Amino acid sequence: MEVFIRKPSIDMFTGVRVTKDTVIEYENENVTQTVKNLVFHTLSKVSGEKYESIYNTTIKLEEGDILIFEEEGRGYIMPVETFMTVEEAINELECIKDIKEVGDNNDSL
C-alpha cells in the first residue's frame, strides 16, 4: 500500500514571528493594532448597510507565535492554521521523503 499526503500549499504570506521584544503599531481606517510585551491588541470597526460594530480584542501571545499580515485591510491576524517558514516546511518534508509504502497492518506509520 502506498503512502499519500495532501499537496503542500505554496501560498506565501507575510508576517512576523513574535519575540518578547516585538513591537508593532499598525493603523488604517478600520483597524488600530499594537503588539508590545507579548500582548496583541486590536480595535476594529466593521460596518455594513445598516450596522456598525466595534471589536476590542486582546490576545496574550507567546514567543514564537506567528502573526500574518492581511493585505485586505484587517492588519495582523493570529491564524488558526499552523504556519511555518519555507525552510521549516522543507525540513519536515525531508524527514518523510523516503517513506513510500507501508505494510497492510500500518505498523510502519
C-alpha atoms as a PDB file:
ATOM      1  CA  MET A   1       0.000   0.000   0.000  1.00  0.00           C
ATOM      2  CA  GLU A   2       1.370   3.435  -0.923  1.00  0.00           C
ATOM      3  CA  VAL A   3       1.547   6.444   1.376  1.00  0.00           C
ATOM      4  CA  PHE A   4      -0.024   9.746   0.307  1.00  0.00           C
ATOM      5  CA  ILE A   5      -0.045  13.251   1.783  1.00  0.00           C
ATOM      6  CA  ARG A   6      -2.047  16.344   0.970  1.00  0.00           C
ATOM      7  CA  LYS A   7      -0.416  18.515  -1.660  1.00  0.00           C
ATOM      8  CA  PRO A   8       1.634  21.121   0.211  1.00  0.00           C
ATOM      9  CA  SER A   9       0.500  24.681  -0.242  1.00  0.00           C
ATOM     10  CA  ILE A  10       2.865  27.066  -1.959  1.00  0.00           C
ATOM     11  CA  ASP A  11       0.831  30.113  -0.924  1.00  0.00           C
ATOM     12  CA  MET A  12       3.116  32.543   0.871  1.00  0.00           C
ATOM     13  CA  PHE A  13       2.092  35.116   3.445  1.00  0.00           C
ATOM     14  CA  THR A  14       3.949  37.988   5.041  1.00  0.00           C
ATOM     15  CA  GLY A  15       4.072  38.213   8.802  1.00  0.00           C
ATOM     16  CA  VAL A  16       6.221  38.161  11.901  1.00  0.00           C
ATOM     17  CA  ARG A  17       7.343  35.565  14.429  1.00  0.00           C
ATOM     18  CA  VAL A  18       6.818  37.218  17.815  1.00  0.00           C
ATOM     19  CA  THR A  19       9.549  37.608  20.419  1.00  0.00           C
ATOM     20  CA  LYS A  20       9.380  39.317  23.797  1.00  0.00           C
ATOM     21  CA  ASP A  21      10.920  42.379  22.120  1.00  0.00           C
ATOM     22  CA  THR A  22       8.442  42.601  19.228  1.00  0.00           C
ATOM     23  CA  VAL A  23       6.745  45.995  18.953  1.00  0.00           C
ATOM     24  CA  ILE A  24       4.152  46.653  16.250  1.00  0.00           C
ATOM     25  CA  GLU A  25       1.937  49.649  15.668  1.00  0.00           C
ATOM     26  CA  TYR A  26      -0.441  49.460  12.710  1.00  0.00           C
ATOM     27  CA  GLU A  27      -3.394  51.620  11.787  1.00  0.00           C
ATOM     28  CA  ASN A  28      -5.730  52.098   8.852  1.00  0.00           C
ATOM     29  CA  GLU A  29      -9.261  53.493   8.546  1.00  0.00           C
ATOM     30  CA  ASN A  30     -10.840  50.418  10.194  1.00  0.00           C
ATOM     31  CA  VAL A  31      -8.128  48.898  12.383  1.00  0.00           C
ATOM     32  CA  THR A  32      -5.776  50.054  15.136  1.00  0.00           C
ATOM     33  CA  GLN A  33      -3.295  47.441  16.375  1.00  0.00           C
ATOM     34  CA  THR A  34      -0.407  47.211  18.785  1.00  0.00           C
ATOM     35  CA  VAL A  35       1.906  44.457  19.911  1.00  0.00           C
ATOM     36  CA  LYS A  36       4.057  45.108  22.962  1.00  0.00           C
ATOM     37  CA  ASN A  37       5.220  42.903  25.855  1.00  0.00           C
ATOM     38  CA  LEU A  38       3.652  39.870  24.138  1.00  0.00           C
ATOM     39  CA  VAL A  39       0.187  41.476  24.171  1.00  0.00           C
ATOM     40  CA  PHE A  40      -1.621  41.876  20.838  1.00  0.00           C
ATOM     41  CA  HIS A  41      -4.393  44.466  20.959  1.00  0.00           C
ATOM     42  CA  THR A  42      -6.779  45.174  18.076  1.00  0.00           C
ATOM     43  CA  LEU A  43      -9.559  47.720  17.872  1.00  0.00           C
ATOM     44  CA  SER A  44     -11.508  47.171  14.647  1.00  0.00           C
ATOM     45  CA  LYS A  45     -14.588  48.679  13.084  1.00  0.00           C
ATOM     46  CA  VAL A  46     -16.844  46.708  10.746  1.00  0.00           C
ATOM     47  CA  SER A  47     -19.755  48.403   9.055  1.00  0.00           C
ATOM     48  CA  GLY A  48     -22.456  47.392   6.659  1.00  0.00           C
ATOM     49  CA  GLU A  49     -25.583  48.862   5.151  1.00  0.00           C
ATOM     50  CA  LYS A  50     -27.486  49.144   8.438  1.00  0.00           C
ATOM     51  CA  TYR A  51     -24.949  48.393  11.124  1.00  0.00           C
ATOM     52  CA  GLU A  52     -21.606  49.242  12.614  1.00  0.00           C
ATOM     53  CA  SER A  53     -19.724  47.005  15.031  1.00  0.00           C
ATOM     54  CA  ILE A  54     -16.603  47.749  17.043  1.00  0.00           C
ATOM     55  CA  TYR A  55     -14.439  44.874  18.253  1.00  0.00           C
ATOM     56  CA  ASN A  56     -11.894  45.314  21.030  1.00  0.00           C
ATOM     57  CA  THR A  57      -9.665  42.236  21.157  1.00  0.00           C
ATOM     58  CA  THR A  58      -6.660  41.435  23.324  1.00  0.00           C
ATOM     59  CA  ILE A  59      -4.572  38.293  22.787  1.00  0.00           C
ATOM     60  CA  LYS A  60      -1.771  37.172  25.089  1.00  0.00           C
ATOM     61  CA  LEU A  61       0.995  35.971  22.806  1.00  0.00           C
ATOM     62  CA  GLU A  62       3.830  33.554  23.423  1.00  0.00           C
ATOM     63  CA  GLU A  63       7.304  33.840  21.958  1.00  0.00           C
ATOM     64  CA  GLY A  64       7.326  32.054  18.625  1.00  0.00           C
ATOM     65  CA  ASP A  65       3.684  32.819  17.757  1.00  0.00           C
ATOM     66  CA  ILE A  66       3.256  33.912  14.161  1.00  0.00           C
ATOM     67  CA  LEU A  67       1.126  36.874  13.125  1.00  0.00           C
ATOM     68  CA  ILE A  68       0.126  37.035   9.467  1.00  0.00           C
ATOM     69  CA  PHE A  69      -0.421  40.384   7.768  1.00  0.00           C
ATOM     70  CA  GLU A  70      -3.670  40.507   5.796  1.00  0.00           C
ATOM     71  CA  GLU A  71      -3.456  42.695   2.734  1.00  0.00           C
ATOM     72  CA  GLU A  72      -7.255  43.204   2.683  1.00  0.00           C
ATOM     73  CA  GLY A  73      -7.095  45.831   5.395  1.00  0.00           C
ATOM     74  CA  ARG A  74      -7.533  43.721   8.529  1.00  0.00           C
ATOM     75  CA  GLY A  75      -3.931  44.231   9.539  1.00  0.00           C
ATOM     76  CA  TYR A  76      -2.254  41.467  11.525  1.00  0.00           C
ATOM     77  CA  ILE A  77      -4.164  38.327  12.424  1.00  0.00           C
ATOM     78  CA  MET A  78      -3.390  35.361  14.637  1.00  0.00           C
ATOM     79  CA  PRO A  79      -4.055  32.493  12.214  1.00  0.00           C
ATOM     80  CA  VAL A  80      -5.978  29.396  13.215  1.00  0.00           C
ATOM     81  CA  GLU A  81      -3.853  27.225  10.935  1.00  0.00           C
ATOM     82  CA  THR A  82      -0.244  26.385  11.713  1.00  0.00           C
ATOM     83  CA  PHE A  83       2.225  28.485   9.734  1.00  0.00           C
ATOM     84  CA  MET A  84       5.952  27.948   9.291  1.00  0.00           C
ATOM     85  CA  THR A  85       8.790  29.266   7.182  1.00  0.00           C
ATOM     86  CA  VAL A  86       9.590  27.674   3.821  1.00  0.00           C
ATOM     87  CA  GLU A  87      12.788  26.251   5.318  1.00  0.00           C
ATOM     88  CA  GLU A  88      10.855  24.641   8.197  1.00  0.00           C
ATOM     89  CA  ALA A  89       8.375  23.091   5.732  1.00  0.00           C
ATOM     90  CA  ILE A  90      11.195  21.668   3.594  1.00  0.00           C
ATOM     91  CA  ASN A  91      12.835  20.184   6.709  1.00  0.00           C
ATOM     92  CA  GLU A  92       9.570  18.484   7.684  1.00  0.00           C
ATOM     93  CA  LEU A  93       9.136  17.018   4.203  1.00  0.00           C
ATOM     94  CA  GLU A  94      12.778  15.851   4.175  1.00  0.00           C
ATOM     95  CA  CYS A  95      12.001  13.736   7.246  1.00  0.00           C
ATOM     96  CA  ILE A  96       9.390  11.706   5.368  1.00  0.00           C
ATOM     97  CA  LYS A  97      10.769  11.703   1.817  1.00  0.00           C
ATOM     98  CA  ASP A  98      11.922   8.052   1.975  1.00  0.00           C
ATOM     99  CA  ILE A  99       8.570   6.646   3.154  1.00  0.00           C
ATOM    100  CA  LYS A 100       6.960   5.156   0.064  1.00  0.00           C
ATOM    101  CA  GLU A 101       4.998   2.110   1.247  1.00  0.00           C
ATOM    102  CA  VAL A 102       3.653   0.658   4.443  1.00  0.00           C
ATOM    103  CA  GLY A 103       2.627  -2.817   5.392  1.00  0.00           C
ATOM    104  CA  ASP A 104      -1.056  -3.773   5.248  1.00  0.00           C
ATOM    105  CA  ASN A 105      -1.240  -3.502   9.056  1.00  0.00           C
ATOM    106  CA  ASN A 106       0.231   0.075   9.034  1.00  0.00           C
ATOM    107  CA  ASP A 107       2.838  -0.841  11.675  1.00  0.00           C
ATOM    108  CA  SER A 108       5.313   1.396   9.847  1.00  0.00           C
ATOM    109  CA  LEU A 109       3.393   4.615  10.497  1.00  0.00           C
END
